[in-house]
Amino acid sequence: MGEDGIFEDDYGSFGYDKWLVGYETSEEIELIKSKVAGEKGLAQTSVARTLYRKLLGGWSDQDVREQLNSAIDKHVTVAHSQYEKCMSLAAQAFTKEQPEPLLRLYTLETPFYGALANDTLPLATPLFKSLDKLQCRYYQGVSFRGLRMTNANLHAYKWAWKNKGAILTRTFSSTSLDQRVAEMFLGPRTDERWCVLMIFHFKQKCDTAINLGRLSAELPCMSEYEHEEEVLLLPWTLFTVSQIEKESDKIIIHLQNIPVDMSLWSGVNLIHERYKR
């Protein structure tokens, strides 16, 4: 990999990978904004969820609970030292109908955390259902994420930057309010992997960027690792890439959040479109 390898290719095309989905035209971007707004509306409105189940099938609240418990059973297992804590947090989330225990569950160092990279639904489904209860934690500002990436991993970001497209996240991502914390995760550069610092810009409060830190005496830290000052990015968060720059020891990617508010009307339209099929 050459020193300028980050800028060597022609940016080509991009559809999706394990982490992102790309949208190139303004029409495509508006369509996905409407879809995400509608999915949020369906998730957060009990009447809409009931209508969806009656017309199209789908999971009940009990199904969602069982899916999460099954994922913990499968990936953490009874033998793990954190198993009981995981199950307790899951139970609290559903019994109290509060999302905070789910956030703490995410931050535990267990195999469940890793499994979410391949299947977000066990945690994302109950979180999106109660997203409106986290309004005090919706984040506005700048956060940072440090990691190492291959050229193939970088392609989506280069494509979005060059083509002025948008990218939608497909996984959970941990970011930090503190750039120094993010840079601790960069590690050494190798011939195959670049050190990459992502800088996320949220010009207004984002309902899928959740500040897990201590906000007040009444709003304590939700993370097991308070010093990391984590802002958790949920799946289905939309961004543009405004700049990619290369420094001697790392690549810096600037991402601008595209706000997408919950819309019950868009949710009703989704039900109508899917019912017609």
Protein backbone atom coordinates (compact mmCIF):
# COMPACT_ATOMS: atom_id res chain seq x y z
CA MET A 1 0.00 0.00 0.00
CA GLY A 2 1.57 3.27 -1.08
CA GLU A 3 1.75 6.30 1.15
CA ASP A 4 -0.92 7.97 -0.95
CA GLY A 5 -2.97 4.80 -1.37
CA ILE A 6 -5.96 6.44 0.23
CA PHE A 7 -6.36 8.64 -2.84
CA GLU A 8 -5.19 6.23 -5.55
CA ASP A 9 -8.42 4.59 -6.74
CA ASP A 10 -11.17 6.12 -8.87
CA TYR A 11 -13.74 5.80 -6.06
CA GLY A 12 -15.88 3.56 -8.30
CA SER A 13 -19.34 2.66 -7.04
CA PHE A 14 -20.70 1.56 -3.68
CA GLY A 15 -23.91 -0.20 -2.72
CA TYR A 16 -23.46 -1.67 0.72
CA ASP A 17 -21.14 -3.68 2.93
CA LYS A 18 -21.33 -5.14 6.42
CA TRP A 19 -21.26 -1.71 8.05
CA LEU A 20 -22.84 0.79 5.65
CA VAL A 21 -25.38 1.32 2.86
CA GLY A 22 -24.75 3.98 0.22
CA TYR A 23 -27.21 6.40 -1.41
CA GLU A 24 -26.00 8.49 -4.32
CA THR A 25 -28.78 10.68 -5.72
CA SER A 26 -30.87 13.26 -3.89
CA GLU A 27 -33.95 11.15 -4.66
CA GLU A 28 -32.37 8.07 -3.06
CA ILE A 29 -31.37 10.09 -0.01
CA GLU A 30 -34.86 11.53 0.44
CA LEU A 31 -36.39 8.06 0.10
CA ILE A 32 -34.17 6.53 2.76
CA LYS A 33 -34.82 9.50 5.07
CA SER A 34 -38.55 8.89 4.70
CA LYS A 35 -38.13 5.16 5.32
CA VAL A 36 -36.01 5.63 8.44
CA ALA A 37 -38.45 8.26 9.75
CA GLY A 38 -41.29 5.82 9.15
CA GLU A 39 -39.53 2.90 10.82
CA LYS A 40 -38.96 5.09 13.88
CA GLY A 41 -42.64 6.07 13.84
CA LEU A 42 -43.72 2.43 13.70
CA ALA A 43 -41.33 1.41 16.46
CA GLN A 44 -42.33 4.16 18.88
CA THR A 45 -46.12 4.15 18.43
CA SER A 46 -48.06 1.27 19.98
CA VAL A 47 -51.11 1.82 17.76
CA ALA A 48 -48.94 1.67 14.64
CA ARG A 49 -47.21 -1.49 15.87
CA THR A 50 -50.58 -3.14 16.51
CA LEU A 51 -51.85 -2.16 13.05
CA TYR A 52 -48.67 -3.46 11.46
CA ARG A 53 -49.00 -6.84 13.19
CA LYS A 54 -52.68 -7.20 12.23
CA LEU A 55 -52.09 -6.40 8.56
CA LEU A 56 -48.61 -7.74 7.93
CA GLY A 57 -47.69 -9.95 10.84
CA GLY A 58 -44.55 -9.20 12.81
CA TRP A 59 -43.28 -9.50 16.33
CA SER A 60 -45.12 -8.82 19.53
CA ASP A 61 -43.41 -7.18 22.51
CA GLN A 62 -43.00 -10.66 24.00
CA ASP A 63 -41.28 -11.82 20.81
CA VAL A 64 -38.83 -8.92 21.09
CA ARG A 65 -38.06 -9.82 24.70
CA GLU A 66 -37.53 -13.48 23.84
CA GLN A 67 -35.25 -12.57 20.94
CA LEU A 68 -32.96 -10.59 23.25
CA ASN A 69 -32.93 -13.31 25.91
CA SER A 70 -32.13 -15.93 23.27
CA ALA A 71 -29.24 -13.85 21.94
CA ILE A 72 -27.78 -13.54 25.45
CA ASP A 73 -28.21 -17.28 26.02
CA LYS A 74 -26.51 -18.07 22.72
CA HIS A 75 -23.57 -15.69 22.86
CA VAL A 76 -22.89 -15.11 26.56
CA THR A 77 -23.99 -18.52 27.96
CA VAL A 78 -24.63 -19.46 31.57
CA ALA A 79 -20.94 -20.16 32.22
CA HIS A 80 -19.91 -16.54 31.60
CA SER A 81 -19.22 -14.38 34.67
CA GLN A 82 -21.48 -11.61 33.31
CA TYR A 83 -24.40 -13.83 32.28
CA GLU A 84 -26.59 -13.09 35.30
CA LYS A 85 -25.95 -9.37 34.97
CA CYS A 86 -26.87 -9.46 31.27
CA MET A 87 -30.13 -11.27 31.96
CA SER A 88 -30.94 -8.94 34.86
CA LEU A 89 -30.44 -5.84 32.70
CA ALA A 90 -32.60 -7.31 29.94
CA ALA A 91 -35.35 -8.10 32.44
CA GLN A 92 -35.20 -4.58 33.92
CA ALA A 93 -35.54 -3.01 30.48
CA PHE A 94 -38.78 -4.84 29.73
CA THR A 95 -40.26 -4.85 33.24
CA LYS A 96 -39.71 -1.12 33.74
CA GLU A 97 -40.19 -0.31 30.04
CA GLN A 98 -37.03 1.77 30.13
CA PRO A 99 -34.12 1.73 27.65
CA GLU A 100 -31.30 2.60 30.06
CA PRO A 101 -30.55 -1.02 31.09
CA LEU A 102 -30.17 -1.88 27.40
CA LEU A 103 -27.50 0.79 27.04
CA ARG A 104 -25.55 -0.64 29.97
CA LEU A 105 -25.96 -4.13 28.52
CA TYR A 106 -24.28 -2.93 25.33
CA THR A 107 -21.21 -1.66 27.19
CA LEU A 108 -20.49 -4.92 29.05
CA GLU A 109 -17.45 -6.84 27.81
CA THR A 110 -19.22 -10.01 26.71
CA PRO A 111 -19.55 -12.01 23.47
CA PHE A 112 -22.98 -10.40 23.02
CA TYR A 113 -21.22 -7.12 22.19
CA GLY A 114 -19.29 -8.79 19.37
CA ALA A 115 -22.34 -10.65 18.08
CA LEU A 116 -24.14 -7.36 17.48
CA ALA A 117 -21.76 -6.67 14.59
CA ASN A 118 -23.49 -9.49 12.71
CA ASP A 119 -27.05 -9.07 13.98
CA THR A 120 -28.18 -5.77 15.51
CA LEU A 121 -31.86 -6.63 15.89
CA PRO A 122 -31.85 -8.25 19.36
CA LEU A 123 -30.76 -4.92 20.87
CA ALA A 124 -31.82 -2.41 18.22
CA THR A 125 -35.47 -3.48 18.16
CA PRO A 126 -36.22 -2.81 21.86
CA LEU A 127 -34.04 0.31 21.84
CA PHE A 128 -35.85 1.91 18.91
CA LYS A 129 -39.19 1.12 20.53
CA SER A 130 -38.27 3.33 23.50
CA LEU A 131 -36.01 5.84 21.76
CA ASP A 132 -38.26 8.75 22.69
CA LYS A 133 -37.54 8.05 26.38
CA LEU A 134 -33.89 8.95 25.78
CA GLN A 135 -34.51 12.50 24.59
CA CYS A 136 -32.40 13.98 27.37
CA ARG A 137 -29.46 11.97 26.00
CA TYR A 138 -29.83 12.83 22.30
CA TYR A 139 -26.44 14.19 21.33
CA GLN A 140 -25.53 17.47 19.64
CA GLY A 141 -21.88 18.36 19.04
CA VAL A 142 -18.76 16.50 17.93
CA SER A 143 -17.63 12.97 18.78
CA PHE A 144 -14.64 10.86 17.76
CA ARG A 145 -13.93 7.25 16.82
CA GLY A 146 -10.50 5.70 16.31
CA LEU A 147 -9.90 2.44 14.47
CA ARG A 148 -7.79 0.76 11.79
CA MET A 149 -9.15 0.15 8.30
CA THR A 150 -8.10 -1.52 5.07
CA ASN A 151 -8.47 0.22 1.72
CA ALA A 152 -11.55 -1.93 1.14
CA ASN A 153 -13.05 -0.69 4.41
CA LEU A 154 -12.33 2.91 3.44
CA HIS A 155 -13.96 2.65 0.04
CA ALA A 156 -17.48 3.58 1.17
CA TYR A 157 -16.25 6.79 2.78
CA LYS A 158 -14.18 7.78 -0.24
CA TRP A 159 -17.13 7.05 -2.49
CA ALA A 160 -19.50 9.16 -0.38
CA TRP A 161 -16.99 12.03 -0.28
CA LYS A 162 -16.28 12.03 -4.01
CA ASN A 163 -19.88 11.52 -5.14
CA LYS A 164 -21.53 13.67 -2.47
CA GLY A 165 -23.62 10.67 -1.49
CA ALA A 166 -24.91 9.58 1.90
CA ILE A 167 -24.10 6.53 4.00
CA LEU A 168 -26.40 4.80 6.47
CA THR A 169 -24.91 2.87 9.37
CA ARG A 170 -25.89 -0.79 9.78
CA THR A 171 -24.25 -1.48 13.15
CA PHE A 172 -23.73 -0.01 16.59
CA SER A 173 -20.60 2.17 16.87
CA SER A 174 -18.91 3.54 19.97
CA THR A 175 -17.57 7.09 19.79
CA SER A 176 -16.14 9.40 22.44
CA LEU A 177 -16.45 13.04 23.41
CA ASP A 178 -12.69 12.98 24.01
CA GLN A 179 -10.44 12.78 20.95
CA ARG A 180 -7.62 11.41 23.09
CA VAL A 181 -9.77 8.45 24.14
CA ALA A 182 -10.64 7.72 20.49
CA GLU A 183 -6.99 7.86 19.46
CA MET A 184 -6.14 5.20 22.05
CA PHE A 185 -7.96 2.73 19.76
CA LEU A 186 -5.92 3.59 16.65
CA GLY A 187 -3.08 1.17 17.29
CA PRO A 188 -0.01 1.03 15.04
CA ARG A 189 -0.26 1.44 11.30
CA THR A 190 0.60 -1.61 9.20
CA ASP A 191 1.10 -2.23 5.48
CA GLU A 192 -2.49 -3.45 5.26
CA ARG A 193 -4.32 -1.12 7.60
CA TRP A 194 -4.56 2.64 7.98
CA CYS A 195 -5.03 4.37 11.31
CA VAL A 196 -8.30 6.28 10.94
CA LEU A 197 -9.82 8.98 13.11
CA MET A 198 -13.49 9.63 12.40
CA ILE A 199 -14.93 12.95 13.48
CA PHE A 200 -18.73 13.00 13.66
CA HIS A 201 -20.52 16.34 13.51
CA PHE A 202 -24.08 16.64 14.84
CA LYS A 203 -25.40 20.15 14.21
CA GLN A 204 -28.62 19.38 16.04
CA LYS A 205 -29.73 16.80 18.56
CA CYS A 206 -29.67 13.33 17.02
CA ASP A 207 -31.98 10.61 18.34
CA THR A 208 -29.61 7.85 17.20
CA ALA A 209 -26.52 9.36 18.85
CA ILE A 210 -26.93 8.66 22.55
CA ASN A 211 -24.73 10.27 25.19
CA LEU A 212 -24.00 7.52 27.71
CA GLY A 213 -22.08 9.79 30.09
CA ARG A 214 -23.15 11.30 33.39
CA LEU A 215 -25.33 14.31 32.62
CA SER A 216 -26.49 15.11 36.17
CA ALA A 217 -27.14 13.50 39.54
CA GLU A 218 -30.47 12.28 38.15
CA LEU A 219 -28.89 11.08 34.88
CA PRO A 220 -25.86 8.96 35.80
CA CYS A 221 -23.41 7.35 33.41
CA MET A 222 -24.92 4.45 31.46
CA SER A 223 -21.59 2.90 30.49
CA GLU A 224 -19.48 0.46 32.45
CA TYR A 225 -16.51 2.67 31.47
CA GLU A 226 -17.30 6.23 32.49
CA HIS A 227 -13.85 7.55 31.56
CA GLU A 228 -14.49 6.79 27.87
CA GLU A 229 -17.20 9.50 27.68
CA GLU A 230 -19.10 7.43 25.15
CA VAL A 231 -21.62 8.58 22.58
CA LEU A 232 -23.26 5.48 21.12
CA LEU A 233 -24.25 5.62 17.45
CA LEU A 234 -27.18 3.36 16.67
CA PRO A 235 -27.83 1.55 13.40
CA TRP A 236 -29.68 3.58 10.74
CA THR A 237 -27.86 6.84 11.39
CA LEU A 238 -27.35 8.84 8.18
CA PHE A 239 -24.24 10.85 7.26
CA THR A 240 -22.48 12.65 4.46
CA VAL A 241 -18.67 12.72 4.27
CA SER A 242 -17.52 16.33 4.11
CA GLN A 243 -13.75 15.80 4.11
CA ILE A 244 -11.04 13.14 4.08
CA GLU A 245 -7.51 14.24 4.86
CA LYS A 246 -4.26 12.38 5.33
CA GLU A 247 -1.75 13.20 8.02
CA SER A 248 1.61 11.54 8.54
CA ASP A 249 0.29 9.01 11.03
CA LYS A 250 -3.43 8.75 10.27
CA ILE A 251 -6.37 9.48 8.00
CA ILE A 252 -9.08 11.82 9.26
CA ILE A 253 -12.67 11.46 8.03
CA HIS A 254 -15.23 14.18 8.78
CA LEU A 255 -18.86 13.02 8.78
CA GLN A 256 -21.90 15.31 8.92
CA ASN A 257 -25.09 13.88 10.37
CA ILE A 258 -28.27 14.12 8.30
CA PRO A 259 -31.09 14.56 10.84
CA VAL A 260 -34.05 12.19 10.47
CA ASP A 261 -36.95 12.76 12.85
CA MET A 262 -39.54 10.16 13.70
CA SER A 263 -42.66 10.39 11.50
CA LEU A 264 -45.85 8.47 12.19
CA TRP A 265 -47.23 9.57 8.81
CA SER A 266 -44.22 8.03 7.05
CA GLY A 267 -44.80 4.90 9.13
CA VAL A 268 -48.42 4.69 7.96
CA ASN A 269 -47.19 5.05 4.38
CA LEU A 270 -44.78 2.15 4.94
CA ILE A 271 -47.64 -0.04 6.18
CA HIS A 272 -49.71 0.92 3.12
CA GLU A 273 -46.87 0.18 0.67
CA ARG A 274 -46.05 -3.18 2.23
CA TYR A 275 -49.71 -4.18 2.47
CA LYS A 276 -50.17 -3.52 -1.27
CA ARG A 277 -47.41 -6.01 -2.05
